[in-house]
N, C-alpha and C. Protein backbone atom coordinates (compact mmCIF):
# COMPACT_ATOMS: atom_id res chain seq x y z
N MET A 1 -50.53 -41.73 -1.99
CA MET A 1 -49.47 -41.82 -2.97
C MET A 1 -48.31 -42.64 -2.44
N ALA A 2 -47.95 -42.48 -1.18
CA ALA A 2 -46.78 -43.12 -0.62
C ALA A 2 -46.81 -44.63 -0.80
N ASP A 3 -47.96 -45.25 -0.54
CA ASP A 3 -48.00 -46.71 -0.58
C ASP A 3 -48.05 -47.26 -2.00
N THR A 4 -48.21 -46.41 -3.01
CA THR A 4 -48.27 -46.91 -4.38
C THR A 4 -46.90 -46.96 -5.05
N LEU A 5 -45.90 -46.33 -4.45
CA LEU A 5 -44.57 -46.34 -5.04
C LEU A 5 -43.83 -47.63 -4.72
N SER A 6 -43.20 -48.17 -5.74
CA SER A 6 -42.31 -49.31 -5.56
C SER A 6 -40.89 -48.75 -5.45
N ILE A 7 -40.23 -48.98 -4.32
CA ILE A 7 -38.92 -48.39 -4.06
C ILE A 7 -37.88 -49.50 -3.90
N LEU A 8 -36.76 -49.32 -4.57
CA LEU A 8 -35.64 -50.25 -4.46
C LEU A 8 -34.50 -49.54 -3.75
N VAL A 9 -34.00 -50.15 -2.68
CA VAL A 9 -32.86 -49.63 -1.94
C VAL A 9 -31.66 -50.51 -2.27
N ILE A 10 -30.58 -49.86 -2.70
CA ILE A 10 -29.35 -50.58 -3.02
C ILE A 10 -28.27 -50.10 -2.06
N ASP A 11 -27.77 -51.01 -1.25
CA ASP A 11 -26.73 -50.67 -0.27
C ASP A 11 -25.99 -51.94 0.08
N ASP A 12 -24.66 -51.91 -0.01
CA ASP A 12 -23.90 -53.11 0.31
C ASP A 12 -23.74 -53.30 1.82
N ASN A 13 -24.22 -52.34 2.61
CA ASN A 13 -24.17 -52.44 4.06
C ASN A 13 -25.60 -52.68 4.56
N ALA A 14 -25.85 -53.87 5.09
CA ALA A 14 -27.20 -54.25 5.50
C ALA A 14 -27.76 -53.37 6.62
N ILE A 15 -26.90 -52.89 7.51
CA ILE A 15 -27.37 -52.03 8.60
C ILE A 15 -27.86 -50.70 8.05
N ARG A 16 -27.07 -50.08 7.18
CA ARG A 16 -27.51 -48.82 6.57
C ARG A 16 -28.76 -49.03 5.75
N ALA A 17 -28.83 -50.13 5.02
CA ALA A 17 -30.02 -50.42 4.21
C ALA A 17 -31.25 -50.52 5.08
N SER A 18 -31.10 -51.12 6.27
CA SER A 18 -32.26 -51.25 7.16
C SER A 18 -32.71 -49.89 7.70
N ILE A 19 -31.78 -48.96 7.88
CA ILE A 19 -32.13 -47.61 8.31
C ILE A 19 -32.98 -46.93 7.23
N ILE A 20 -32.53 -47.05 6.00
CA ILE A 20 -33.28 -46.44 4.89
C ILE A 20 -34.66 -47.09 4.77
N GLU A 21 -34.67 -48.40 4.82
CA GLU A 21 -35.95 -49.12 4.71
C GLU A 21 -36.90 -48.71 5.84
N ALA A 22 -36.39 -48.59 7.06
CA ALA A 22 -37.23 -48.18 8.19
C ALA A 22 -37.78 -46.78 7.99
N GLY A 23 -36.93 -45.88 7.50
CA GLY A 23 -37.38 -44.52 7.24
C GLY A 23 -38.47 -44.46 6.18
N LEU A 24 -38.34 -45.28 5.17
CA LEU A 24 -39.35 -45.33 4.11
C LEU A 24 -40.66 -45.92 4.63
N ARG A 25 -40.55 -46.98 5.39
CA ARG A 25 -41.76 -47.61 5.93
C ARG A 25 -42.48 -46.68 6.91
N GLU A 26 -41.72 -45.96 7.73
CA GLU A 26 -42.33 -44.99 8.65
C GLU A 26 -43.03 -43.87 7.88
N ALA A 27 -42.54 -43.57 6.69
CA ALA A 27 -43.14 -42.53 5.85
C ALA A 27 -44.34 -43.06 5.06
N GLY A 28 -44.68 -44.34 5.25
CA GLY A 28 -45.86 -44.90 4.61
C GLY A 28 -45.60 -45.69 3.35
N HIS A 29 -44.35 -45.93 3.02
CA HIS A 29 -44.02 -46.71 1.82
C HIS A 29 -43.92 -48.18 2.20
N GLU A 30 -44.79 -48.98 1.64
CA GLU A 30 -44.80 -50.41 1.97
C GLU A 30 -44.06 -51.25 0.93
N ALA A 31 -44.05 -50.82 -0.31
CA ALA A 31 -43.42 -51.61 -1.38
C ALA A 31 -41.94 -51.25 -1.48
N VAL A 32 -41.17 -51.72 -0.50
CA VAL A 32 -39.74 -51.44 -0.44
C VAL A 32 -38.97 -52.75 -0.55
N GLN A 33 -38.04 -52.80 -1.47
CA GLN A 33 -37.16 -53.96 -1.60
C GLN A 33 -35.73 -53.50 -1.41
N VAL A 34 -34.89 -54.37 -0.84
CA VAL A 34 -33.50 -54.03 -0.55
C VAL A 34 -32.58 -55.01 -1.26
N ILE A 35 -31.54 -54.47 -1.87
CA ILE A 35 -30.47 -55.29 -2.46
C ILE A 35 -29.18 -54.91 -1.76
N THR A 36 -28.51 -55.90 -1.19
CA THR A 36 -27.23 -55.62 -0.53
C THR A 36 -26.04 -56.17 -1.32
N ASP A 37 -26.32 -56.95 -2.35
CA ASP A 37 -25.25 -57.49 -3.20
C ASP A 37 -25.21 -56.67 -4.49
N ILE A 38 -24.18 -55.86 -4.64
CA ILE A 38 -24.10 -54.95 -5.78
C ILE A 38 -23.77 -55.67 -7.09
N ASP A 39 -23.18 -56.85 -7.00
CA ASP A 39 -22.88 -57.61 -8.23
C ASP A 39 -24.18 -57.97 -8.94
N GLY A 40 -24.24 -57.70 -10.20
CA GLY A 40 -25.43 -58.01 -10.98
C GLY A 40 -26.62 -57.12 -10.68
N VAL A 41 -26.35 -55.93 -10.14
CA VAL A 41 -27.45 -55.05 -9.72
C VAL A 41 -28.27 -54.56 -10.91
N ALA A 42 -27.64 -54.35 -12.05
CA ALA A 42 -28.38 -53.86 -13.22
C ALA A 42 -29.47 -54.85 -13.62
N ARG A 43 -29.12 -56.13 -13.63
CA ARG A 43 -30.10 -57.16 -13.98
C ARG A 43 -31.23 -57.18 -12.96
N ARG A 44 -30.88 -57.09 -11.69
CA ARG A 44 -31.90 -57.11 -10.63
C ARG A 44 -32.85 -55.91 -10.72
N ILE A 45 -32.30 -54.74 -11.05
CA ILE A 45 -33.14 -53.55 -11.22
C ILE A 45 -34.15 -53.81 -12.33
N GLY A 46 -33.67 -54.40 -13.42
CA GLY A 46 -34.56 -54.72 -14.53
C GLY A 46 -35.66 -55.69 -14.14
N GLU A 47 -35.32 -56.67 -13.32
CA GLU A 47 -36.31 -57.66 -12.87
C GLU A 47 -37.34 -57.03 -11.94
N ILE A 48 -36.88 -56.18 -11.02
CA ILE A 48 -37.76 -55.58 -10.02
C ILE A 48 -38.59 -54.44 -10.62
N ALA A 49 -38.01 -53.69 -11.55
CA ALA A 49 -38.67 -52.55 -12.20
C ALA A 49 -39.31 -51.59 -11.19
N PRO A 50 -38.48 -51.00 -10.31
CA PRO A 50 -39.02 -50.10 -9.28
C PRO A 50 -39.43 -48.74 -9.87
N ASP A 51 -40.27 -48.02 -9.11
CA ASP A 51 -40.62 -46.66 -9.49
C ASP A 51 -39.50 -45.69 -9.14
N VAL A 52 -38.81 -45.97 -8.03
CA VAL A 52 -37.74 -45.11 -7.52
C VAL A 52 -36.60 -45.99 -7.02
N VAL A 53 -35.36 -45.50 -7.20
CA VAL A 53 -34.19 -46.23 -6.72
C VAL A 53 -33.43 -45.34 -5.75
N ILE A 54 -33.07 -45.91 -4.61
CA ILE A 54 -32.21 -45.22 -3.64
C ILE A 54 -30.93 -46.03 -3.54
N VAL A 55 -29.80 -45.34 -3.78
CA VAL A 55 -28.49 -45.99 -3.73
C VAL A 55 -27.70 -45.36 -2.59
N ASP A 56 -27.15 -46.19 -1.72
CA ASP A 56 -26.32 -45.70 -0.62
C ASP A 56 -24.96 -46.34 -0.74
N LEU A 57 -23.94 -45.51 -0.96
CA LEU A 57 -22.58 -46.00 -1.14
C LEU A 57 -21.67 -45.34 -0.10
N GLU A 58 -21.07 -46.15 0.76
CA GLU A 58 -20.26 -45.59 1.84
C GLU A 58 -19.02 -44.88 1.32
N ASN A 59 -18.13 -45.59 0.70
CA ASN A 59 -16.90 -45.01 0.13
C ASN A 59 -16.74 -45.50 -1.30
N PRO A 60 -17.54 -44.99 -2.21
CA PRO A 60 -17.49 -45.52 -3.57
C PRO A 60 -16.21 -45.13 -4.28
N ASN A 61 -15.62 -46.10 -4.97
CA ASN A 61 -14.48 -45.75 -5.82
C ASN A 61 -15.02 -45.32 -7.18
N ARG A 62 -14.16 -44.82 -8.00
CA ARG A 62 -14.58 -44.27 -9.28
C ARG A 62 -15.27 -45.32 -10.14
N ASP A 63 -14.79 -46.57 -10.12
CA ASP A 63 -15.41 -47.63 -10.93
C ASP A 63 -16.84 -47.92 -10.49
N VAL A 64 -17.06 -47.98 -9.17
CA VAL A 64 -18.40 -48.24 -8.65
C VAL A 64 -19.34 -47.10 -9.03
N LEU A 65 -18.85 -45.85 -8.87
CA LEU A 65 -19.68 -44.69 -9.25
C LEU A 65 -20.01 -44.73 -10.74
N GLU A 66 -19.00 -44.99 -11.57
CA GLU A 66 -19.25 -45.06 -13.01
C GLU A 66 -20.27 -46.13 -13.36
N HIS A 67 -20.20 -47.26 -12.65
CA HIS A 67 -21.16 -48.35 -12.86
C HIS A 67 -22.58 -47.86 -12.56
N PHE A 68 -22.76 -47.19 -11.43
CA PHE A 68 -24.08 -46.69 -11.07
C PHE A 68 -24.52 -45.55 -11.98
N PHE A 69 -23.59 -44.72 -12.43
CA PHE A 69 -23.95 -43.64 -13.35
C PHE A 69 -24.42 -44.23 -14.69
N ALA A 70 -23.77 -45.31 -15.12
CA ALA A 70 -24.20 -45.98 -16.36
C ALA A 70 -25.60 -46.54 -16.19
N ILE A 71 -25.88 -47.12 -15.04
CA ILE A 71 -27.23 -47.63 -14.76
C ILE A 71 -28.23 -46.48 -14.78
N SER A 72 -27.85 -45.34 -14.16
CA SER A 72 -28.74 -44.17 -14.12
C SER A 72 -29.13 -43.70 -15.50
N ARG A 73 -28.15 -43.67 -16.40
CA ARG A 73 -28.42 -43.17 -17.76
C ARG A 73 -29.47 -44.03 -18.46
N SER A 74 -29.42 -45.34 -18.23
CA SER A 74 -30.36 -46.22 -18.93
C SER A 74 -31.68 -46.38 -18.19
N LEU A 75 -31.67 -46.12 -16.91
CA LEU A 75 -32.88 -46.30 -16.09
C LEU A 75 -33.66 -45.00 -16.07
N LYS A 76 -34.83 -45.01 -16.60
CA LYS A 76 -35.65 -43.79 -16.65
C LYS A 76 -36.53 -43.72 -15.41
N ARG A 77 -35.88 -43.60 -14.25
CA ARG A 77 -36.56 -43.55 -12.96
C ARG A 77 -35.84 -42.53 -12.07
N PRO A 78 -36.55 -41.98 -11.10
CA PRO A 78 -35.87 -41.12 -10.13
C PRO A 78 -34.86 -41.93 -9.33
N ILE A 79 -33.67 -41.36 -9.15
CA ILE A 79 -32.62 -42.02 -8.39
C ILE A 79 -32.09 -41.05 -7.35
N ALA A 80 -32.08 -41.48 -6.10
CA ALA A 80 -31.46 -40.72 -5.03
C ALA A 80 -30.22 -41.48 -4.60
N MET A 81 -29.09 -40.78 -4.58
CA MET A 81 -27.82 -41.44 -4.25
C MET A 81 -27.22 -40.79 -3.01
N PHE A 82 -26.92 -41.61 -2.01
CA PHE A 82 -26.26 -41.16 -0.79
C PHE A 82 -24.82 -41.64 -0.83
N VAL A 83 -23.88 -40.73 -0.62
CA VAL A 83 -22.47 -41.10 -0.55
C VAL A 83 -21.86 -40.42 0.68
N ASP A 84 -20.80 -41.02 1.21
CA ASP A 84 -20.14 -40.43 2.37
C ASP A 84 -19.14 -39.36 1.97
N LYS A 85 -18.48 -39.54 0.84
CA LYS A 85 -17.48 -38.58 0.38
C LYS A 85 -17.70 -38.34 -1.10
N SER A 86 -17.37 -37.14 -1.54
CA SER A 86 -17.54 -36.82 -2.94
C SER A 86 -16.66 -35.65 -3.32
N ASP A 87 -16.45 -35.50 -4.61
CA ASP A 87 -15.77 -34.31 -5.10
C ASP A 87 -16.63 -33.70 -6.21
N PRO A 88 -16.36 -32.46 -6.58
CA PRO A 88 -17.21 -31.78 -7.58
C PRO A 88 -17.36 -32.54 -8.90
N SER A 89 -16.32 -33.23 -9.34
CA SER A 89 -16.44 -33.96 -10.60
C SER A 89 -17.41 -35.13 -10.48
N GLU A 90 -17.46 -35.76 -9.31
CA GLU A 90 -18.41 -36.86 -9.10
C GLU A 90 -19.84 -36.34 -9.06
N ILE A 91 -20.04 -35.19 -8.44
CA ILE A 91 -21.37 -34.58 -8.39
C ILE A 91 -21.83 -34.24 -9.81
N GLU A 92 -20.93 -33.65 -10.58
CA GLU A 92 -21.27 -33.30 -11.96
C GLU A 92 -21.59 -34.55 -12.78
N ALA A 93 -20.79 -35.59 -12.60
CA ALA A 93 -21.05 -36.85 -13.32
C ALA A 93 -22.39 -37.44 -12.91
N ALA A 94 -22.74 -37.32 -11.63
CA ALA A 94 -24.02 -37.85 -11.15
C ALA A 94 -25.18 -37.11 -11.79
N VAL A 95 -25.09 -35.80 -11.84
CA VAL A 95 -26.16 -34.99 -12.44
C VAL A 95 -26.29 -35.31 -13.92
N GLU A 96 -25.15 -35.40 -14.63
CA GLU A 96 -25.18 -35.73 -16.06
C GLU A 96 -25.75 -37.13 -16.30
N ALA A 97 -25.56 -38.02 -15.35
CA ALA A 97 -26.07 -39.38 -15.50
C ALA A 97 -27.56 -39.48 -15.18
N GLY A 98 -28.14 -38.40 -14.66
CA GLY A 98 -29.56 -38.42 -14.39
C GLY A 98 -29.93 -38.71 -12.95
N VAL A 99 -28.94 -38.69 -12.05
CA VAL A 99 -29.25 -38.89 -10.63
C VAL A 99 -30.05 -37.68 -10.17
N SER A 100 -31.21 -37.92 -9.58
CA SER A 100 -32.12 -36.84 -9.19
C SER A 100 -31.73 -36.17 -7.89
N ALA A 101 -31.13 -36.90 -6.98
CA ALA A 101 -30.66 -36.33 -5.72
C ALA A 101 -29.34 -37.00 -5.37
N TYR A 102 -28.32 -36.19 -5.13
CA TYR A 102 -26.99 -36.68 -4.79
C TYR A 102 -26.64 -36.09 -3.44
N VAL A 103 -26.72 -36.90 -2.38
CA VAL A 103 -26.60 -36.40 -1.01
C VAL A 103 -25.28 -36.89 -0.43
N VAL A 104 -24.45 -35.94 -0.01
CA VAL A 104 -23.15 -36.26 0.55
C VAL A 104 -23.22 -36.17 2.07
N ASP A 105 -22.77 -37.23 2.76
CA ASP A 105 -22.64 -37.25 4.21
C ASP A 105 -23.91 -36.79 4.91
N GLY A 106 -25.02 -37.42 4.58
CA GLY A 106 -26.24 -36.96 5.21
C GLY A 106 -27.31 -38.01 5.37
N LEU A 107 -26.94 -39.25 5.58
CA LEU A 107 -27.95 -40.29 5.72
C LEU A 107 -28.47 -40.33 7.15
N ARG A 108 -29.70 -39.87 7.29
CA ARG A 108 -30.41 -40.00 8.56
C ARG A 108 -31.83 -40.43 8.21
N LYS A 109 -32.39 -41.24 9.06
CA LYS A 109 -33.72 -41.80 8.79
C LYS A 109 -34.76 -40.71 8.54
N ASP A 110 -34.72 -39.62 9.29
CA ASP A 110 -35.73 -38.58 9.16
C ASP A 110 -35.56 -37.74 7.88
N ARG A 111 -34.41 -37.85 7.22
CA ARG A 111 -34.18 -37.09 5.99
C ARG A 111 -34.55 -37.87 4.74
N ILE A 112 -34.78 -39.15 4.86
CA ILE A 112 -34.99 -39.99 3.68
C ILE A 112 -36.23 -39.58 2.91
N LYS A 113 -37.37 -39.40 3.57
CA LYS A 113 -38.61 -39.07 2.86
C LYS A 113 -38.51 -37.74 2.12
N PRO A 114 -38.06 -36.64 2.76
CA PRO A 114 -37.97 -35.38 2.01
C PRO A 114 -37.01 -35.48 0.81
N ILE A 115 -35.93 -36.21 0.98
CA ILE A 115 -34.98 -36.36 -0.13
C ILE A 115 -35.62 -37.19 -1.24
N LEU A 116 -36.34 -38.23 -0.87
CA LEU A 116 -37.04 -39.05 -1.86
C LEU A 116 -38.08 -38.22 -2.61
N ASP A 117 -38.86 -37.43 -1.87
CA ASP A 117 -39.87 -36.58 -2.51
C ASP A 117 -39.22 -35.59 -3.47
N MET A 118 -38.12 -34.98 -3.04
CA MET A 118 -37.41 -34.03 -3.89
C MET A 118 -36.86 -34.73 -5.13
N ALA A 119 -36.33 -35.92 -4.99
CA ALA A 119 -35.79 -36.66 -6.13
C ALA A 119 -36.89 -36.94 -7.16
N ILE A 120 -38.07 -37.30 -6.68
CA ILE A 120 -39.18 -37.59 -7.59
C ILE A 120 -39.61 -36.32 -8.32
N VAL A 121 -39.76 -35.22 -7.58
CA VAL A 121 -40.18 -33.96 -8.21
C VAL A 121 -39.13 -33.50 -9.21
N ARG A 122 -37.86 -33.58 -8.84
CA ARG A 122 -36.79 -33.15 -9.75
C ARG A 122 -36.74 -34.04 -10.99
N PHE A 123 -36.93 -35.33 -10.81
CA PHE A 123 -36.94 -36.25 -11.96
C PHE A 123 -38.07 -35.90 -12.92
N ARG A 124 -39.26 -35.66 -12.37
CA ARG A 124 -40.40 -35.32 -13.22
C ARG A 124 -40.16 -34.01 -13.98
N ALA A 125 -39.61 -33.02 -13.29
CA ALA A 125 -39.32 -31.74 -13.94
C ALA A 125 -38.28 -31.93 -15.04
N PHE A 126 -37.25 -32.71 -14.76
CA PHE A 126 -36.21 -32.97 -15.75
C PHE A 126 -36.77 -33.74 -16.94
N SER A 127 -37.65 -34.71 -16.67
CA SER A 127 -38.27 -35.49 -17.75
C SER A 127 -39.12 -34.60 -18.64
N ARG A 128 -39.88 -33.67 -18.01
CA ARG A 128 -40.68 -32.73 -18.81
C ARG A 128 -39.79 -31.88 -19.70
N LEU A 129 -38.68 -31.40 -19.14
CA LEU A 129 -37.75 -30.59 -19.94
C LEU A 129 -37.17 -31.40 -21.09
N GLN A 130 -36.82 -32.65 -20.83
CA GLN A 130 -36.30 -33.50 -21.90
C GLN A 130 -37.35 -33.72 -22.99
N ASP A 131 -38.60 -33.95 -22.58
CA ASP A 131 -39.67 -34.14 -23.55
C ASP A 131 -39.89 -32.88 -24.39
N GLU A 132 -39.87 -31.72 -23.72
CA GLU A 132 -40.05 -30.45 -24.43
C GLU A 132 -38.90 -30.21 -25.40
N LEU A 133 -37.67 -30.52 -24.96
CA LEU A 133 -36.51 -30.36 -25.83
C LEU A 133 -36.62 -31.26 -27.04
N GLU A 134 -37.02 -32.50 -26.83
CA GLU A 134 -37.16 -33.43 -27.95
C GLU A 134 -38.25 -32.98 -28.91
N ALA A 135 -39.36 -32.46 -28.37
CA ALA A 135 -40.44 -31.95 -29.23
C ALA A 135 -39.96 -30.76 -30.03
N ALA A 136 -39.18 -29.87 -29.41
CA ALA A 136 -38.66 -28.70 -30.13
C ALA A 136 -37.69 -29.13 -31.22
N ARG A 137 -36.83 -30.09 -30.92
CA ARG A 137 -35.89 -30.60 -31.93
C ARG A 137 -36.65 -31.23 -33.09
N SER A 138 -37.67 -31.99 -32.76
CA SER A 138 -38.47 -32.65 -33.79
C SER A 138 -39.18 -31.61 -34.67
N GLU A 139 -39.73 -30.59 -34.03
CA GLU A 139 -40.42 -29.54 -34.79
C GLU A 139 -39.44 -28.79 -35.68
N LEU A 140 -38.26 -28.48 -35.17
CA LEU A 140 -37.25 -27.80 -35.97
C LEU A 140 -36.83 -28.66 -37.16
N GLU A 141 -36.63 -29.94 -36.92
CA GLU A 141 -36.26 -30.84 -38.01
C GLU A 141 -37.38 -30.91 -39.05
N GLY A 142 -38.63 -30.95 -38.58
CA GLY A 142 -39.77 -30.96 -39.49
C GLY A 142 -39.83 -29.70 -40.34
N ARG A 143 -39.55 -28.55 -39.72
CA ARG A 143 -39.54 -27.29 -40.48
C ARG A 143 -38.47 -27.30 -41.56
N LYS A 144 -37.29 -27.84 -41.22
CA LYS A 144 -36.21 -27.92 -42.20
C LYS A 144 -36.62 -28.79 -43.39
N ILE A 145 -37.29 -29.90 -43.10
CA ILE A 145 -37.73 -30.81 -44.16
C ILE A 145 -38.77 -30.12 -45.04
N ILE A 146 -39.72 -29.43 -44.41
CA ILE A 146 -40.77 -28.72 -45.17
C ILE A 146 -40.14 -27.61 -46.01
N ASP A 147 -39.20 -26.86 -45.44
CA ASP A 147 -38.53 -25.80 -46.20
C ASP A 147 -37.79 -26.36 -47.41
N LYS A 148 -37.13 -27.49 -47.23
CA LYS A 148 -36.40 -28.12 -48.34
C LYS A 148 -37.38 -28.57 -49.43
N ALA A 149 -38.50 -29.16 -49.00
CA ALA A 149 -39.50 -29.60 -49.97
C ALA A 149 -40.11 -28.40 -50.71
N LYS A 150 -40.36 -27.32 -49.98
CA LYS A 150 -40.88 -26.11 -50.64
C LYS A 150 -39.88 -25.62 -51.68
N GLY A 151 -38.59 -25.64 -51.32
CA GLY A 151 -37.55 -25.22 -52.26
C GLY A 151 -37.55 -26.06 -53.53
N ILE A 152 -37.75 -27.36 -53.37
CA ILE A 152 -37.80 -28.25 -54.54
C ILE A 152 -38.99 -27.89 -55.42
N LEU A 153 -40.15 -27.70 -54.82
CA LEU A 153 -41.34 -27.33 -55.60
C LEU A 153 -41.19 -25.97 -56.27
N MET A 154 -40.58 -25.05 -55.57
CA MET A 154 -40.39 -23.71 -56.13
C MET A 154 -39.47 -23.76 -57.35
N SER A 155 -38.41 -24.56 -57.27
CA SER A 155 -37.46 -24.60 -58.40
C SER A 155 -37.95 -25.48 -59.54
N THR A 156 -38.62 -26.58 -59.24
CA THR A 156 -39.04 -27.49 -60.31
C THR A 156 -40.36 -27.11 -60.96
N ARG A 157 -41.25 -26.47 -60.19
CA ARG A 157 -42.58 -26.15 -60.72
C ARG A 157 -42.82 -24.65 -60.86
N GLY A 158 -41.83 -23.86 -60.46
CA GLY A 158 -41.96 -22.42 -60.59
C GLY A 158 -43.01 -21.81 -59.66
N LEU A 159 -43.20 -22.39 -58.50
CA LEU A 159 -44.20 -21.91 -57.55
C LEU A 159 -43.59 -20.88 -56.60
N THR A 160 -44.45 -20.05 -56.03
CA THR A 160 -44.01 -19.18 -54.94
C THR A 160 -43.93 -20.03 -53.67
N GLU A 161 -43.32 -19.46 -52.64
CA GLU A 161 -43.21 -20.20 -51.38
C GLU A 161 -44.59 -20.51 -50.83
N GLU A 162 -45.49 -19.56 -50.91
CA GLU A 162 -46.85 -19.77 -50.40
C GLU A 162 -47.58 -20.86 -51.20
N GLN A 163 -47.41 -20.86 -52.51
CA GLN A 163 -48.04 -21.88 -53.35
C GLN A 163 -47.46 -23.27 -53.06
N ALA A 164 -46.14 -23.32 -52.87
CA ALA A 164 -45.48 -24.60 -52.58
C ALA A 164 -45.99 -25.17 -51.26
N TYR A 165 -46.11 -24.30 -50.24
CA TYR A 165 -46.63 -24.76 -48.97
C TYR A 165 -48.08 -25.21 -49.10
N GLY A 166 -48.87 -24.45 -49.87
CA GLY A 166 -50.27 -24.80 -50.08
C GLY A 166 -50.41 -26.16 -50.75
N LEU A 167 -49.53 -26.44 -51.71
CA LEU A 167 -49.56 -27.74 -52.39
C LEU A 167 -49.20 -28.87 -51.42
N LEU A 168 -48.18 -28.65 -50.61
CA LEU A 168 -47.81 -29.66 -49.61
C LEU A 168 -48.97 -29.90 -48.64
N ARG A 169 -49.58 -28.80 -48.17
CA ARG A 169 -50.66 -28.91 -47.20
C ARG A 169 -51.87 -29.62 -47.80
N SER A 170 -52.27 -29.24 -49.01
CA SER A 170 -53.45 -29.88 -49.61
C SER A 170 -53.19 -31.35 -49.91
N THR A 171 -51.97 -31.69 -50.33
CA THR A 171 -51.63 -33.09 -50.58
C THR A 171 -51.69 -33.88 -49.27
N ALA A 172 -51.18 -33.30 -48.21
CA ALA A 172 -51.23 -33.97 -46.91
C ALA A 172 -52.67 -34.19 -46.47
N MET A 173 -53.52 -33.19 -46.64
CA MET A 173 -54.92 -33.32 -46.25
C MET A 173 -55.62 -34.39 -47.09
N ASN A 174 -55.37 -34.38 -48.40
CA ASN A 174 -56.00 -35.36 -49.29
C ASN A 174 -55.58 -36.80 -48.97
N GLN A 175 -54.35 -36.95 -48.51
CA GLN A 175 -53.84 -38.30 -48.20
C GLN A 175 -53.94 -38.63 -46.72
N ASN A 176 -54.51 -37.71 -45.95
CA ASN A 176 -54.67 -37.90 -44.51
C ASN A 176 -53.33 -38.23 -43.84
N ARG A 177 -52.31 -37.43 -44.19
CA ARG A 177 -50.97 -37.59 -43.65
C ARG A 177 -50.48 -36.24 -43.14
N ARG A 178 -49.40 -36.26 -42.41
CA ARG A 178 -48.81 -35.01 -41.93
C ARG A 178 -48.01 -34.35 -43.04
N ILE A 179 -47.94 -33.02 -43.01
CA ILE A 179 -47.21 -32.28 -44.04
C ILE A 179 -45.75 -32.72 -44.09
N VAL A 180 -45.15 -32.94 -42.94
CA VAL A 180 -43.74 -33.33 -42.92
C VAL A 180 -43.53 -34.68 -43.61
N GLU A 181 -44.50 -35.58 -43.53
CA GLU A 181 -44.39 -36.87 -44.22
C GLU A 181 -44.41 -36.68 -45.73
N ILE A 182 -45.30 -35.81 -46.21
CA ILE A 182 -45.38 -35.52 -47.65
C ILE A 182 -44.08 -34.85 -48.10
N ALA A 183 -43.60 -33.90 -47.29
CA ALA A 183 -42.36 -33.20 -47.63
C ALA A 183 -41.20 -34.17 -47.72
N GLN A 184 -41.10 -35.10 -46.75
CA GLN A 184 -40.01 -36.07 -46.77
C GLN A 184 -40.11 -36.99 -47.99
N ALA A 185 -41.33 -37.39 -48.34
CA ALA A 185 -41.52 -38.23 -49.53
C ALA A 185 -41.08 -37.48 -50.79
N LEU A 186 -41.39 -36.19 -50.88
CA LEU A 186 -40.99 -35.38 -52.03
C LEU A 186 -39.47 -35.27 -52.11
N ILE A 187 -38.83 -35.07 -50.96
CA ILE A 187 -37.36 -34.97 -50.93
C ILE A 187 -36.74 -36.28 -51.38
N THR A 188 -37.26 -37.38 -50.87
CA THR A 188 -36.75 -38.70 -51.23
C THR A 188 -36.92 -38.95 -52.73
N ALA A 189 -38.10 -38.64 -53.26
CA ALA A 189 -38.34 -38.83 -54.69
C ALA A 189 -37.41 -37.95 -55.52
N SER A 190 -37.21 -36.72 -55.09
CA SER A 190 -36.32 -35.80 -55.79
C SER A 190 -34.90 -36.32 -55.82
N GLU A 191 -34.45 -36.88 -54.67
CA GLU A 191 -33.08 -37.43 -54.60
C GLU A 191 -32.94 -38.66 -55.49
N LEU A 192 -34.00 -39.47 -55.59
CA LEU A 192 -33.95 -40.66 -56.44
C LEU A 192 -33.92 -40.29 -57.92
N LEU A 193 -34.69 -39.27 -58.29
CA LEU A 193 -34.76 -38.86 -59.69
C LEU A 193 -33.55 -38.03 -60.11
N GLY A 194 -32.89 -37.42 -59.13
CA GLY A 194 -31.67 -36.66 -59.40
C GLY A 194 -31.97 -35.34 -60.11
N PRO A 195 -30.90 -34.58 -60.38
CA PRO A 195 -31.08 -33.26 -61.01
C PRO A 195 -31.48 -33.35 -62.47
């Protein structure tokens, strides 16, 4: 697994970047690229399209952190961030931005691999939770649409709730569509025709 990951190291200090790179290579990661010029880093990340990003910032100011947090939000990849100093608000902002590992004052070559592994595992767990949350939201929205469509059928055709649902379900089956699609079409038609 180690040699299949594409890893991007971002550090404006070439010496620190070489420490990280050496630690990764010793851990068996061969596809490691280093960027030491932070200007235009978002574009470069897009060009490289790494599996994992490691950011090392010695004394980041708030603007630099915000820049990287904005990149984190748009980049759907595990990100491990090393900083020398931090405060609780920066840690919270990092977590909200999707940074998988935020390590303060702890860059050592022997710690890089475990932190990288943890960042990947945490990112995957967080991604699963986001997917589950989105699926739950979608299902809830679908239920609301179906309930509204049932209400329309019940009031306009004098059906019971069970009959209205049965009509939606049989129509969906006959048209080889999802019930929520039929329900949404009914709601749209009802809104167009008005009361």
